[in-house]
Amino acid sequence: MIATLSGLVRKKLEDRIVLECGGVGYEVFLSPITIAQLEHVTAGRGEKASELELVVYYHATRDQPRPVLIGFTSDLDKEFFEKLITVKDVGPMVAARALAAPVAEVAAAIARQDEKYLRALPGIGQQKAKNIVAQLQAKVAKFALARPGVSAEPVAAAPATADADGLRELVWEVLVKQLGHRPSEASQLVTDALRRRPSISTPEELFDEIYRGQKA
């Protein structure tokens, strides 16, 4: 199993790169958003080649024995990708090609059940969009909370000792600005969730309780 690769960029193609690590060139497929994140990277020989480290998803099955490596710039992006491929009819290549927007944006669309947004992603039609919302809506709070441009450090990882007012404010802001709730509705959702579980101490726990309450 290959989990990470670190080396020199020898080739940059439309949807993949060749990364030389210890004298071996690995062909690594990249999602559209990863390609955009690596726009500054240069390929070539000698000093022209950029150094790069990628988090890698290794895919090989009995039906597809030729291994495929899919690269990401952060553990969080890979973790979100691994959520996507648990959805019916969304395989690794479909999921990778669909990641044409920042993970936080895609996760927020899933959380607010925005199937129209999801259908606009490459390779995601009507049925796949429905499946993604149905299976992942309550599992993407951590990713929707990711700070723009700092995807490796999700806000959900905030210390458990965060004060109650700060916790309420953070989750309220995401509910309103990213997930499209009315301010009054967001305030009520937060209040109800904290009333049901006063021990909540992180944004992710609060989102989980909000989603549980909506399904009750």
N, C-alpha and C. Protein backbone atom coordinates (compact mmCIF):
# COMPACT_ATOMS: atom_id res chain seq x y z
N MET A 1 0.83 -1.20 0.00
CA MET A 1 0.00 0.00 0.00
C MET A 1 0.87 1.25 0.00
N ILE A 2 0.56 2.19 -0.86
CA ILE A 2 1.29 3.46 -0.94
C ILE A 2 0.40 4.54 -0.34
N ALA A 3 0.88 5.21 0.71
CA ALA A 3 0.09 6.24 1.40
C ALA A 3 0.53 7.66 1.04
N THR A 4 1.82 7.86 0.83
CA THR A 4 2.34 9.17 0.44
C THR A 4 3.47 8.98 -0.57
N LEU A 5 3.69 10.03 -1.37
CA LEU A 5 4.81 10.05 -2.30
C LEU A 5 5.48 11.41 -2.21
N SER A 6 6.79 11.42 -2.20
CA SER A 6 7.54 12.67 -2.14
C SER A 6 8.70 12.58 -3.13
N GLY A 7 8.76 13.55 -4.05
CA GLY A 7 9.83 13.50 -5.04
C GLY A 7 9.80 14.68 -5.98
N LEU A 8 10.32 14.48 -7.19
CA LEU A 8 10.43 15.55 -8.19
C LEU A 8 9.40 15.34 -9.29
N VAL A 9 8.78 16.42 -9.72
CA VAL A 9 7.77 16.36 -10.78
C VAL A 9 8.48 16.30 -12.13
N ARG A 10 8.33 15.18 -12.81
CA ARG A 10 8.98 15.01 -14.11
C ARG A 10 8.08 15.36 -15.27
N LYS A 11 6.78 15.08 -15.14
CA LYS A 11 5.83 15.41 -16.21
C LYS A 11 4.54 15.94 -15.61
N LYS A 12 3.93 16.89 -16.30
CA LYS A 12 2.58 17.36 -15.94
C LYS A 12 1.70 17.18 -17.16
N LEU A 13 0.69 16.34 -17.02
CA LEU A 13 -0.26 16.10 -18.10
C LEU A 13 -1.61 16.70 -17.72
N GLU A 14 -2.60 16.51 -18.56
CA GLU A 14 -3.89 17.17 -18.34
C GLU A 14 -4.53 16.78 -17.02
N ASP A 15 -4.46 15.52 -16.66
CA ASP A 15 -5.14 15.07 -15.45
C ASP A 15 -4.25 14.24 -14.54
N ARG A 16 -2.92 14.31 -14.74
CA ARG A 16 -2.02 13.51 -13.92
C ARG A 16 -0.60 14.07 -14.00
N ILE A 17 0.24 13.58 -13.11
CA ILE A 17 1.65 13.94 -13.14
C ILE A 17 2.48 12.67 -13.02
N VAL A 18 3.76 12.79 -13.37
CA VAL A 18 4.72 11.72 -13.10
C VAL A 18 5.65 12.26 -12.02
N LEU A 19 5.64 11.59 -10.88
CA LEU A 19 6.44 12.01 -9.73
C LEU A 19 7.57 11.00 -9.52
N GLU A 20 8.81 11.47 -9.62
CA GLU A 20 9.96 10.58 -9.45
C GLU A 20 10.36 10.51 -7.99
N CYS A 21 10.31 9.31 -7.44
CA CYS A 21 10.65 9.09 -6.02
C CYS A 21 11.70 7.99 -5.95
N GLY A 22 12.89 8.33 -5.52
CA GLY A 22 13.95 7.34 -5.41
C GLY A 22 14.29 6.66 -6.72
N GLY A 23 14.22 7.42 -7.81
CA GLY A 23 14.56 6.86 -9.11
C GLY A 23 13.43 6.17 -9.84
N VAL A 24 12.27 6.08 -9.21
CA VAL A 24 11.10 5.43 -9.82
C VAL A 24 10.05 6.50 -10.13
N GLY A 25 9.53 6.51 -11.35
CA GLY A 25 8.51 7.48 -11.73
C GLY A 25 7.11 6.92 -11.52
N TYR A 26 6.33 7.57 -10.68
CA TYR A 26 4.96 7.13 -10.40
C TYR A 26 3.97 8.04 -11.14
N GLU A 27 3.07 7.42 -11.90
CA GLU A 27 2.00 8.18 -12.55
C GLU A 27 0.86 8.34 -11.54
N VAL A 28 0.54 9.59 -11.22
CA VAL A 28 -0.46 9.88 -10.19
C VAL A 28 -1.59 10.70 -10.81
N PHE A 29 -2.80 10.16 -10.75
CA PHE A 29 -3.97 10.87 -11.24
C PHE A 29 -4.36 11.96 -10.24
N LEU A 30 -4.78 13.14 -10.74
CA LEU A 30 -5.15 14.26 -9.88
C LEU A 30 -6.56 14.74 -10.20
N SER A 31 -7.30 15.13 -9.17
CA SER A 31 -8.62 15.72 -9.38
C SER A 31 -8.45 17.13 -9.93
N PRO A 32 -9.48 17.71 -10.55
CA PRO A 32 -9.38 19.08 -11.07
C PRO A 32 -8.96 20.10 -10.01
N ILE A 33 -9.49 19.97 -8.79
CA ILE A 33 -9.13 20.94 -7.75
C ILE A 33 -7.68 20.77 -7.31
N THR A 34 -7.18 19.54 -7.31
CA THR A 34 -5.77 19.31 -6.97
C THR A 34 -4.86 19.89 -8.05
N ILE A 35 -5.24 19.73 -9.31
CA ILE A 35 -4.47 20.31 -10.40
C ILE A 35 -4.40 21.82 -10.24
N ALA A 36 -5.52 22.45 -9.88
CA ALA A 36 -5.53 23.90 -9.67
C ALA A 36 -4.62 24.29 -8.51
N GLN A 37 -4.61 23.48 -7.46
CA GLN A 37 -3.76 23.76 -6.30
C GLN A 37 -2.27 23.65 -6.65
N LEU A 38 -1.95 22.86 -7.68
CA LEU A 38 -0.56 22.64 -8.06
C LEU A 38 -0.17 23.41 -9.32
N GLU A 39 -0.92 24.46 -9.61
CA GLU A 39 -0.68 25.24 -10.83
C GLU A 39 0.75 25.80 -10.86
N HIS A 40 1.29 26.12 -9.69
CA HIS A 40 2.63 26.72 -9.61
C HIS A 40 3.75 25.70 -9.79
N VAL A 41 3.43 24.43 -9.75
CA VAL A 41 4.44 23.37 -9.82
C VAL A 41 4.97 23.25 -11.25
N THR A 42 6.28 23.11 -11.39
CA THR A 42 6.89 22.95 -12.71
C THR A 42 7.49 21.56 -12.85
N ALA A 43 7.45 21.06 -14.10
CA ALA A 43 7.97 19.73 -14.38
C ALA A 43 9.21 19.83 -15.26
N GLY A 44 10.07 18.83 -15.17
CA GLY A 44 11.25 18.81 -16.02
C GLY A 44 12.39 18.06 -15.41
N ARG A 45 13.56 18.36 -15.88
CA ARG A 45 14.78 17.73 -15.39
C ARG A 45 15.63 18.76 -14.65
N GLY A 46 16.48 18.28 -13.78
CA GLY A 46 17.39 19.18 -13.07
C GLY A 46 16.65 20.16 -12.20
N GLU A 47 17.11 21.41 -12.21
CA GLU A 47 16.56 22.43 -11.33
C GLU A 47 15.15 22.86 -11.73
N LYS A 48 14.72 22.51 -12.93
CA LYS A 48 13.38 22.89 -13.39
C LYS A 48 12.28 22.14 -12.64
N ALA A 49 12.59 20.95 -12.16
CA ALA A 49 11.58 20.10 -11.53
C ALA A 49 11.28 20.56 -10.10
N SER A 50 9.99 20.73 -9.81
CA SER A 50 9.57 21.09 -8.46
C SER A 50 9.56 19.86 -7.56
N GLU A 51 9.86 20.08 -6.29
CA GLU A 51 9.69 19.02 -5.31
C GLU A 51 8.24 19.02 -4.83
N LEU A 52 7.70 17.86 -4.61
CA LEU A 52 6.29 17.77 -4.26
C LEU A 52 6.04 16.56 -3.37
N GLU A 53 5.16 16.72 -2.41
CA GLU A 53 4.70 15.60 -1.58
C GLU A 53 3.19 15.49 -1.72
N LEU A 54 2.71 14.30 -1.99
CA LEU A 54 1.28 14.06 -2.14
C LEU A 54 0.80 12.97 -1.18
N VAL A 55 -0.42 13.13 -0.70
CA VAL A 55 -1.12 12.06 0.00
C VAL A 55 -1.79 11.22 -1.09
N VAL A 56 -1.67 9.91 -1.01
CA VAL A 56 -2.07 9.07 -2.13
C VAL A 56 -3.12 8.03 -1.73
N TYR A 57 -4.10 7.87 -2.61
CA TYR A 57 -5.06 6.77 -2.50
C TYR A 57 -4.67 5.71 -3.53
N TYR A 58 -4.46 4.49 -3.06
CA TYR A 58 -4.03 3.38 -3.93
C TYR A 58 -5.25 2.53 -4.25
N HIS A 59 -5.53 2.37 -5.55
CA HIS A 59 -6.72 1.63 -5.95
C HIS A 59 -6.36 0.49 -6.89
N ALA A 60 -6.73 -0.71 -6.50
CA ALA A 60 -6.57 -1.89 -7.36
C ALA A 60 -7.57 -2.93 -6.89
N THR A 61 -8.24 -3.59 -7.81
CA THR A 61 -9.21 -4.63 -7.48
C THR A 61 -8.95 -5.85 -8.37
N ARG A 62 -9.64 -6.93 -8.08
CA ARG A 62 -9.50 -8.12 -8.90
C ARG A 62 -9.98 -7.86 -10.33
N ASP A 63 -11.03 -7.05 -10.47
CA ASP A 63 -11.55 -6.72 -11.80
C ASP A 63 -10.68 -5.68 -12.51
N GLN A 64 -9.95 -4.89 -11.72
CA GLN A 64 -9.06 -3.88 -12.30
C GLN A 64 -7.69 -4.01 -11.62
N PRO A 65 -6.93 -5.03 -12.02
CA PRO A 65 -5.67 -5.33 -11.32
C PRO A 65 -4.58 -4.27 -11.51
N ARG A 66 -4.66 -3.47 -12.56
CA ARG A 66 -3.63 -2.45 -12.75
C ARG A 66 -3.84 -1.33 -11.72
N PRO A 67 -2.87 -1.10 -10.84
CA PRO A 67 -3.05 -0.10 -9.78
C PRO A 67 -3.23 1.31 -10.34
N VAL A 68 -4.04 2.08 -9.65
CA VAL A 68 -4.23 3.49 -9.96
C VAL A 68 -3.89 4.29 -8.71
N LEU A 69 -3.08 5.31 -8.84
CA LEU A 69 -2.73 6.19 -7.74
C LEU A 69 -3.44 7.52 -7.94
N ILE A 70 -4.14 7.95 -6.91
CA ILE A 70 -4.85 9.24 -6.95
C ILE A 70 -4.25 10.13 -5.87
N GLY A 71 -3.78 11.31 -6.24
CA GLY A 71 -3.04 12.16 -5.31
C GLY A 71 -3.83 13.35 -4.80
N PHE A 72 -3.52 13.75 -3.58
CA PHE A 72 -4.17 14.89 -2.92
C PHE A 72 -3.12 15.71 -2.20
N THR A 73 -3.42 16.99 -1.98
CA THR A 73 -2.46 17.85 -1.29
C THR A 73 -2.65 17.85 0.22
N SER A 74 -3.71 17.22 0.72
CA SER A 74 -3.93 17.18 2.17
C SER A 74 -4.65 15.90 2.58
N ASP A 75 -4.47 15.53 3.84
CA ASP A 75 -5.18 14.36 4.38
C ASP A 75 -6.68 14.58 4.36
N LEU A 76 -7.11 15.82 4.60
CA LEU A 76 -8.54 16.11 4.64
C LEU A 76 -9.20 15.87 3.28
N ASP A 77 -8.53 16.31 2.21
CA ASP A 77 -9.08 16.09 0.86
C ASP A 77 -9.20 14.60 0.58
N LYS A 78 -8.18 13.83 0.96
CA LYS A 78 -8.24 12.38 0.74
C LYS A 78 -9.37 11.76 1.57
N GLU A 79 -9.53 12.22 2.80
CA GLU A 79 -10.58 11.67 3.67
C GLU A 79 -11.97 11.95 3.08
N PHE A 80 -12.16 13.14 2.53
CA PHE A 80 -13.44 13.45 1.90
C PHE A 80 -13.66 12.57 0.67
N PHE A 81 -12.63 12.40 -0.14
CA PHE A 81 -12.69 11.51 -1.30
C PHE A 81 -13.11 10.10 -0.87
N GLU A 82 -12.55 9.62 0.23
CA GLU A 82 -12.89 8.28 0.71
C GLU A 82 -14.34 8.19 1.18
N LYS A 83 -14.91 9.30 1.63
CA LYS A 83 -16.34 9.33 1.94
C LYS A 83 -17.14 9.19 0.65
N LEU A 84 -16.73 9.94 -0.38
CA LEU A 84 -17.47 9.93 -1.65
C LEU A 84 -17.54 8.54 -2.25
N ILE A 85 -16.45 7.79 -2.18
CA ILE A 85 -16.44 6.49 -2.86
C ILE A 85 -17.22 5.42 -2.10
N THR A 86 -17.76 5.77 -0.93
CA THR A 86 -18.67 4.83 -0.25
C THR A 86 -20.08 4.91 -0.83
N VAL A 87 -20.33 5.94 -1.64
CA VAL A 87 -21.66 6.14 -2.22
C VAL A 87 -21.87 5.19 -3.39
N LYS A 88 -23.06 4.66 -3.51
CA LYS A 88 -23.40 3.75 -4.59
C LYS A 88 -23.11 4.38 -5.95
N ASP A 89 -22.44 3.64 -6.82
CA ASP A 89 -22.13 4.04 -8.19
C ASP A 89 -21.11 5.18 -8.30
N VAL A 90 -20.44 5.49 -7.20
CA VAL A 90 -19.38 6.51 -7.25
C VAL A 90 -18.04 5.82 -6.96
N GLY A 91 -17.36 5.42 -8.02
CA GLY A 91 -16.07 4.77 -7.87
C GLY A 91 -14.95 5.79 -7.73
N PRO A 92 -13.72 5.31 -7.51
CA PRO A 92 -12.59 6.22 -7.30
C PRO A 92 -12.37 7.23 -8.43
N MET A 93 -12.43 6.79 -9.69
CA MET A 93 -12.18 7.72 -10.79
C MET A 93 -13.32 8.72 -10.94
N VAL A 94 -14.54 8.27 -10.74
CA VAL A 94 -15.69 9.19 -10.79
C VAL A 94 -15.57 10.24 -9.69
N ALA A 95 -15.23 9.79 -8.47
CA ALA A 95 -15.11 10.71 -7.34
C ALA A 95 -13.99 11.71 -7.56
N ALA A 96 -12.85 11.23 -8.07
CA ALA A 96 -11.71 12.13 -8.30
C ALA A 96 -12.05 13.19 -9.33
N ARG A 97 -12.66 12.78 -10.44
CA ARG A 97 -13.00 13.75 -11.49
C ARG A 97 -14.06 14.74 -11.03
N ALA A 98 -14.90 14.31 -10.08
CA ALA A 98 -15.97 15.18 -9.60
C ALA A 98 -15.45 16.30 -8.69
N LEU A 99 -14.27 16.12 -8.13
CA LEU A 99 -13.74 17.12 -7.21
C LEU A 99 -13.16 18.30 -7.98
N ALA A 100 -14.06 19.10 -8.55
CA ALA A 100 -13.67 20.25 -9.35
C ALA A 100 -13.84 21.55 -8.58
N ALA A 101 -14.17 21.45 -7.31
CA ALA A 101 -14.34 22.61 -6.43
C ALA A 101 -13.74 22.27 -5.08
N PRO A 102 -13.42 23.28 -4.26
CA PRO A 102 -12.86 22.99 -2.94
C PRO A 102 -13.75 22.06 -2.14
N VAL A 103 -13.13 21.18 -1.37
CA VAL A 103 -13.86 20.20 -0.57
C VAL A 103 -14.91 20.87 0.32
N ALA A 104 -14.57 22.00 0.93
CA ALA A 104 -15.53 22.68 1.81
C ALA A 104 -16.80 23.06 1.06
N GLU A 105 -16.67 23.50 -0.21
CA GLU A 105 -17.84 23.89 -1.00
C GLU A 105 -18.69 22.68 -1.36
N VAL A 106 -18.04 21.60 -1.78
CA VAL A 106 -18.79 20.39 -2.14
C VAL A 106 -19.50 19.83 -0.91
N ALA A 107 -18.80 19.80 0.22
CA ALA A 107 -19.39 19.29 1.46
C ALA A 107 -20.57 20.14 1.90
N ALA A 108 -20.44 21.46 1.78
CA ALA A 108 -21.55 22.34 2.16
C ALA A 108 -22.76 22.09 1.27
N ALA A 109 -22.54 21.85 -0.02
CA ALA A 109 -23.65 21.55 -0.93
C ALA A 109 -24.35 20.26 -0.53
N ILE A 110 -23.57 19.26 -0.14
CA ILE A 110 -24.16 17.99 0.31
C ILE A 110 -24.98 18.22 1.57
N ALA A 111 -24.43 18.98 2.51
CA ALA A 111 -25.11 19.22 3.79
C ALA A 111 -26.44 19.96 3.60
N ARG A 112 -26.49 20.87 2.62
CA ARG A 112 -27.74 21.61 2.41
C ARG A 112 -28.64 20.95 1.35
N GLN A 113 -28.26 19.71 0.94
CA GLN A 113 -29.03 18.91 -0.01
C GLN A 113 -29.18 19.61 -1.36
N ASP A 114 -28.12 20.26 -1.80
CA ASP A 114 -28.16 21.03 -3.05
C ASP A 114 -27.79 20.12 -4.22
N GLU A 115 -28.76 19.37 -4.69
CA GLU A 115 -28.51 18.43 -5.78
C GLU A 115 -28.16 19.14 -7.08
N LYS A 116 -28.70 20.33 -7.29
CA LYS A 116 -28.39 21.10 -8.50
C LYS A 116 -26.89 21.40 -8.57
N TYR A 117 -26.31 21.81 -7.46
CA TYR A 117 -24.87 22.08 -7.40
C TYR A 117 -24.10 20.80 -7.72
N LEU A 118 -24.49 19.69 -7.11
CA LEU A 118 -23.76 18.44 -7.29
C LEU A 118 -23.84 17.95 -8.73
N ARG A 119 -25.01 18.14 -9.37
CA ARG A 119 -25.16 17.70 -10.76
C ARG A 119 -24.23 18.46 -11.70
N ALA A 120 -23.80 19.65 -11.30
CA ALA A 120 -22.90 20.45 -12.13
C ALA A 120 -21.45 19.97 -12.05
N LEU A 121 -21.15 19.09 -11.11
CA LEU A 121 -19.80 18.55 -11.00
C LEU A 121 -19.57 17.50 -12.10
N PRO A 122 -18.36 17.42 -12.64
CA PRO A 122 -18.10 16.46 -13.72
C PRO A 122 -18.46 15.03 -13.34
N GLY A 123 -19.27 14.38 -14.20
CA GLY A 123 -19.60 12.98 -14.00
C GLY A 123 -20.68 12.68 -12.98
N ILE A 124 -21.25 13.72 -12.37
CA ILE A 124 -22.29 13.49 -11.36
C ILE A 124 -23.65 13.88 -11.94
N GLY A 125 -24.42 12.88 -12.30
CA GLY A 125 -25.75 13.12 -12.84
C GLY A 125 -26.80 13.17 -11.74
N GLN A 126 -28.05 13.11 -12.15
CA GLN A 126 -29.16 13.25 -11.21
C GLN A 126 -29.17 12.14 -10.15
N GLN A 127 -29.00 10.89 -10.57
CA GLN A 127 -29.10 9.79 -9.61
C GLN A 127 -27.91 9.78 -8.65
N LYS A 128 -26.73 10.04 -9.17
CA LYS A 128 -25.55 10.08 -8.29
C LYS A 128 -25.69 11.21 -7.28
N ALA A 129 -26.21 12.35 -7.71
CA ALA A 129 -26.40 13.48 -6.79
C ALA A 129 -27.36 13.09 -5.67
N LYS A 130 -28.43 12.39 -6.02
CA LYS A 130 -29.39 11.94 -5.01
C LYS A 130 -28.74 10.96 -4.04
N ASN A 131 -27.96 10.03 -4.57
CA ASN A 131 -27.29 9.05 -3.73
C ASN A 131 -26.30 9.71 -2.77
N ILE A 132 -25.56 10.69 -3.28
CA ILE A 132 -24.57 11.38 -2.45
C ILE A 132 -25.25 12.10 -1.29
N VAL A 133 -26.33 12.81 -1.57
CA VAL A 133 -27.04 13.52 -0.51
C VAL A 133 -27.62 12.54 0.50
N ALA A 134 -28.26 11.48 -0.01
CA ALA A 134 -28.90 10.51 0.89
C ALA A 134 -27.90 9.83 1.82
N GLN A 135 -26.71 9.52 1.32
CA GLN A 135 -25.75 8.75 2.11
C GLN A 135 -24.77 9.61 2.92
N LEU A 136 -24.56 10.86 2.49
CA LEU A 136 -23.50 11.64 3.13
C LEU A 136 -23.96 12.91 3.85
N GLN A 137 -25.22 13.27 3.74
CA GLN A 137 -25.64 14.56 4.29
C GLN A 137 -25.24 14.75 5.75
N ALA A 138 -25.37 13.70 6.53
CA ALA A 138 -25.08 13.81 7.97
C ALA A 138 -23.63 13.48 8.30
N LYS A 139 -22.77 13.32 7.28
CA LYS A 139 -21.40 12.89 7.53
C LYS A 139 -20.35 13.88 7.04
N VAL A 140 -20.78 15.09 6.65
CA VAL A 140 -19.82 16.00 6.01
C VAL A 140 -19.59 17.30 6.77
N ALA A 141 -20.09 17.40 8.00
CA ALA A 141 -19.94 18.64 8.76
C ALA A 141 -18.47 19.02 8.92
N LYS A 142 -17.64 18.06 9.21
CA LYS A 142 -16.20 18.31 9.39
C LYS A 142 -15.60 18.98 8.17
N PHE A 143 -16.02 18.54 6.99
CA PHE A 143 -15.44 19.06 5.74
C PHE A 143 -16.04 20.42 5.37
N ALA A 144 -17.33 20.60 5.63
CA ALA A 144 -17.97 21.89 5.35
C ALA A 144 -17.39 22.99 6.23
N LEU A 145 -16.84 22.61 7.37
CA LEU A 145 -16.27 23.59 8.30
C LEU A 145 -14.83 23.94 7.97
N ALA A 146 -14.24 23.28 6.97
CA ALA A 146 -12.83 23.54 6.65
C ALA A 146 -12.64 24.99 6.25
N ARG A 147 -11.58 25.61 6.76
CA ARG A 147 -11.28 27.00 6.43
C ARG A 147 -10.88 27.10 4.97
N PRO A 148 -11.41 28.08 4.22
CA PRO A 148 -11.00 28.27 2.82
C PRO A 148 -9.49 28.46 2.74
N GLY A 149 -8.86 27.67 1.84
CA GLY A 149 -7.44 27.81 1.65
C GLY A 149 -6.59 27.11 2.68
N VAL A 150 -7.22 26.53 3.71
CA VAL A 150 -6.46 25.83 4.75
C VAL A 150 -7.13 24.49 4.99
N SER A 151 -7.33 23.74 3.89
CA SER A 151 -8.13 22.52 3.95
C SER A 151 -7.53 21.45 4.83
N ALA A 152 -6.26 21.55 5.13
CA ALA A 152 -5.63 20.52 5.97
C ALA A 152 -5.93 20.72 7.44
N GLU A 153 -6.54 21.85 7.78
CA GLU A 153 -6.80 22.14 9.19
C GLU A 153 -8.28 22.47 9.40
N PRO A 154 -9.14 21.46 9.45
CA PRO A 154 -10.55 21.72 9.61
C PRO A 154 -10.88 22.39 10.93
N VAL A 155 -11.82 23.33 10.87
CA VAL A 155 -12.23 24.01 12.10
C VAL A 155 -12.79 23.02 13.10
N ALA A 156 -13.32 21.89 12.61
CA ALA A 156 -13.89 20.90 13.51
C ALA A 156 -12.87 20.33 14.47
N ALA A 157 -11.61 20.57 14.20
CA ALA A 157 -10.58 20.06 15.10
C ALA A 157 -10.29 21.03 16.24
N ALA A 158 -11.16 22.02 16.43
CA ALA A 158 -10.97 23.00 17.49
C ALA A 158 -10.95 22.31 18.84
N PRO A 159 -10.24 22.88 19.82
CA PRO A 159 -10.15 22.25 21.13
C PRO A 159 -11.51 22.01 21.76
N ALA A 160 -11.63 20.92 22.47
CA ALA A 160 -12.90 20.57 23.09
C ALA A 160 -13.30 21.58 24.15
N THR A 161 -12.37 22.43 24.58
CA THR A 161 -12.68 23.40 25.62
C THR A 161 -13.19 24.72 25.07
N ALA A 162 -13.49 24.78 23.77
CA ALA A 162 -13.98 26.02 23.17
C ALA A 162 -15.19 26.53 23.96
N ASP A 163 -15.25 27.86 24.16
CA ASP A 163 -16.35 28.40 24.95
C ASP A 163 -17.66 28.27 24.20
N ALA A 164 -18.75 28.22 24.93
CA ALA A 164 -20.06 27.96 24.35
C ALA A 164 -20.48 29.04 23.36
N ASP A 165 -20.21 30.31 23.67
CA ASP A 165 -20.60 31.39 22.77
C ASP A 165 -19.84 31.30 21.45
N GLY A 166 -18.55 31.01 21.52
CA GLY A 166 -17.76 30.88 20.30
C GLY A 166 -18.23 29.71 19.46
N LEU A 167 -18.60 28.62 20.10
CA LEU A 167 -19.10 27.44 19.41
C LEU A 167 -20.41 27.75 18.69
N ARG A 168 -21.31 28.39 19.39
CA ARG A 168 -22.61 28.77 18.80
C ARG A 168 -22.40 29.68 17.59
N GLU A 169 -21.53 30.67 17.75
CA GLU A 169 -21.30 31.65 16.69
C GLU A 169 -20.72 31.00 15.44
N LEU A 170 -19.74 30.10 15.64
CA LEU A 170 -19.10 29.44 14.52
C LEU A 170 -20.09 28.60 13.72
N VAL A 171 -20.87 27.77 14.41
CA VAL A 171 -21.81 26.89 13.73
C VAL A 171 -22.95 27.70 13.12
N TRP A 172 -23.41 28.74 13.81
CA TRP A 172 -24.47 29.61 13.26
C TRP A 172 -24.00 30.23 11.95
N GLU A 173 -22.76 30.69 11.90
CA GLU A 173 -22.24 31.34 10.70
C GLU A 173 -22.19 30.37 9.52
N VAL A 174 -21.77 29.13 9.78
CA VAL A 174 -21.72 28.13 8.71
C VAL A 174 -23.13 27.79 8.24
N LEU A 175 -24.07 27.64 9.16
CA LEU A 175 -25.45 27.32 8.79
C LEU A 175 -26.04 28.39 7.89
N VAL A 176 -25.74 29.65 8.18
CA VAL A 176 -26.32 30.76 7.43
C VAL A 176 -25.55 31.02 6.13
N LYS A 177 -24.24 31.16 6.22
CA LYS A 177 -23.45 31.60 5.07
C LYS A 177 -23.12 30.49 4.08
N GLN A 178 -22.98 29.26 4.57
CA GLN A 178 -22.62 28.16 3.67
C GLN A 178 -23.79 27.24 3.35
N LEU A 179 -24.66 27.04 4.32
CA LEU A 179 -25.72 26.05 4.14
C LEU A 179 -27.08 26.66 3.83
N GLY A 180 -27.17 27.99 3.82
CA GLY A 180 -28.37 28.65 3.34
C GLY A 180 -29.54 28.75 4.28
N HIS A 181 -29.35 28.51 5.57
CA HIS A 181 -30.45 28.64 6.53
C HIS A 181 -30.71 30.12 6.84
N ARG A 182 -31.96 30.44 7.16
CA ARG A 182 -32.29 31.79 7.63
C ARG A 182 -31.65 32.00 9.01
N PRO A 183 -31.25 33.22 9.32
CA PRO A 183 -30.60 33.47 10.62
C PRO A 183 -31.41 32.97 11.81
N SER A 184 -32.72 33.25 11.79
CA SER A 184 -33.56 32.82 12.92
C SER A 184 -33.66 31.30 13.00
N GLU A 185 -33.73 30.66 11.83
CA GLU A 185 -33.81 29.20 11.78
C GLU A 185 -32.50 28.59 12.31
N ALA A 186 -31.36 29.18 11.89
CA ALA A 186 -30.07 28.68 12.35
C ALA A 186 -29.94 28.80 13.86
N SER A 187 -30.37 29.93 14.40
CA SER A 187 -30.30 30.13 15.85
C SER A 187 -31.12 29.09 16.59
N GLN A 188 -32.31 28.77 16.04
CA GLN A 188 -33.17 27.79 16.69
C GLN A 188 -32.57 26.39 16.62
N LEU A 189 -31.96 26.06 15.47
CA LEU A 189 -31.34 24.74 15.33
C LEU A 189 -30.21 24.56 16.34
N VAL A 190 -29.40 25.59 16.51
CA VAL A 190 -28.29 25.53 17.46
C VAL A 190 -28.81 25.42 18.89
N THR A 191 -29.80 26.25 19.23
CA THR A 191 -30.36 26.24 20.57
C THR A 191 -30.97 24.88 20.92
N ASP A 192 -31.74 24.33 19.98
CA ASP A 192 -32.40 23.04 20.22
C ASP A 192 -31.36 21.93 20.41
N ALA A 193 -30.32 21.95 19.57
CA ALA A 193 -29.30 20.90 19.66
C ALA A 193 -28.57 20.97 21.00
N LEU A 194 -28.24 22.17 21.45
CA LEU A 194 -27.54 22.32 22.73
C LEU A 194 -28.44 21.99 23.90
N ARG A 195 -29.73 22.20 23.75
CA ARG A 195 -30.67 21.83 24.81
C ARG A 195 -30.74 20.31 24.94
N ARG A 196 -30.71 19.62 23.79
CA ARG A 196 -30.76 18.15 23.83
C ARG A 196 -29.47 17.57 24.38
N ARG A 197 -28.32 18.19 24.02
CA ARG A 197 -27.01 17.68 24.45
C ARG A 197 -26.15 18.82 24.97
N PRO A 198 -26.32 19.21 26.21
CA PRO A 198 -25.54 20.33 26.77
C PRO A 198 -24.04 20.07 26.83
N SER A 199 -23.63 18.80 26.73
CA SER A 199 -22.21 18.47 26.86
C SER A 199 -21.42 18.68 25.56
N ILE A 200 -22.09 19.08 24.49
CA ILE A 200 -21.40 19.28 23.21
C ILE A 200 -20.27 20.30 23.38
N SER A 201 -19.09 19.98 22.81
CA SER A 201 -17.94 20.87 22.98
C SER A 201 -17.19 21.17 21.70
N THR A 202 -17.58 20.55 20.56
CA THR A 202 -16.90 20.84 19.30
C THR A 202 -17.93 21.14 18.21
N PRO A 203 -17.54 21.89 17.17
CA PRO A 203 -18.46 22.17 16.07
C PRO A 203 -19.00 20.91 15.41
N GLU A 204 -18.14 19.90 15.23
CA GLU A 204 -18.59 18.68 14.57
C GLU A 204 -19.68 17.98 15.37
N GLU A 205 -19.52 17.91 16.70
CA GLU A 205 -20.55 17.31 17.56
C GLU A 205 -21.86 18.08 17.45
N LEU A 206 -21.76 19.40 17.39
CA LEU A 206 -22.96 20.22 17.31
C LEU A 206 -23.68 20.00 15.98
N PHE A 207 -22.93 19.93 14.88
CA PHE A 207 -23.55 19.64 13.59
C PHE A 207 -24.21 18.27 13.58
N ASP A 208 -23.53 17.28 14.14
CA ASP A 208 -24.10 15.93 14.19
C ASP A 208 -25.44 15.94 14.93
N GLU A 209 -25.50 16.67 16.04
CA GLU A 209 -26.74 16.73 16.82
C GLU A 209 -27.82 17.49 16.07
N ILE A 210 -27.46 18.53 15.34
CA ILE A 210 -28.44 19.27 14.53
C ILE A 210 -29.05 18.36 13.48
N TYR A 211 -28.21 17.56 12.80
CA TYR A 211 -28.72 16.66 11.78
C TYR A 211 -29.60 15.57 12.37
N ARG A 212 -29.21 15.07 13.55
CA ARG A 212 -30.04 14.05 14.22
C ARG A 212 -31.40 14.62 14.56
N GLY A 213 -31.42 15.86 15.02
CA GLY A 213 -32.68 16.51 15.37
C GLY A 213 -33.59 16.72 14.18
N GLN A 214 -33.00 17.02 13.02
CA GLN A 214 -33.80 17.23 11.81
C GLN A 214 -34.43 15.93 11.32
N LYS A 215 -33.78 14.79 11.62
CA LYS A 215 -34.30 13.49 11.16
C LYS A 215 -35.30 12.90 12.14
N ALA A 216 -35.30 13.44 13.36
CA ALA A 216 -36.16 12.86 14.39
C ALA A 216 -37.63 13.08 14.07
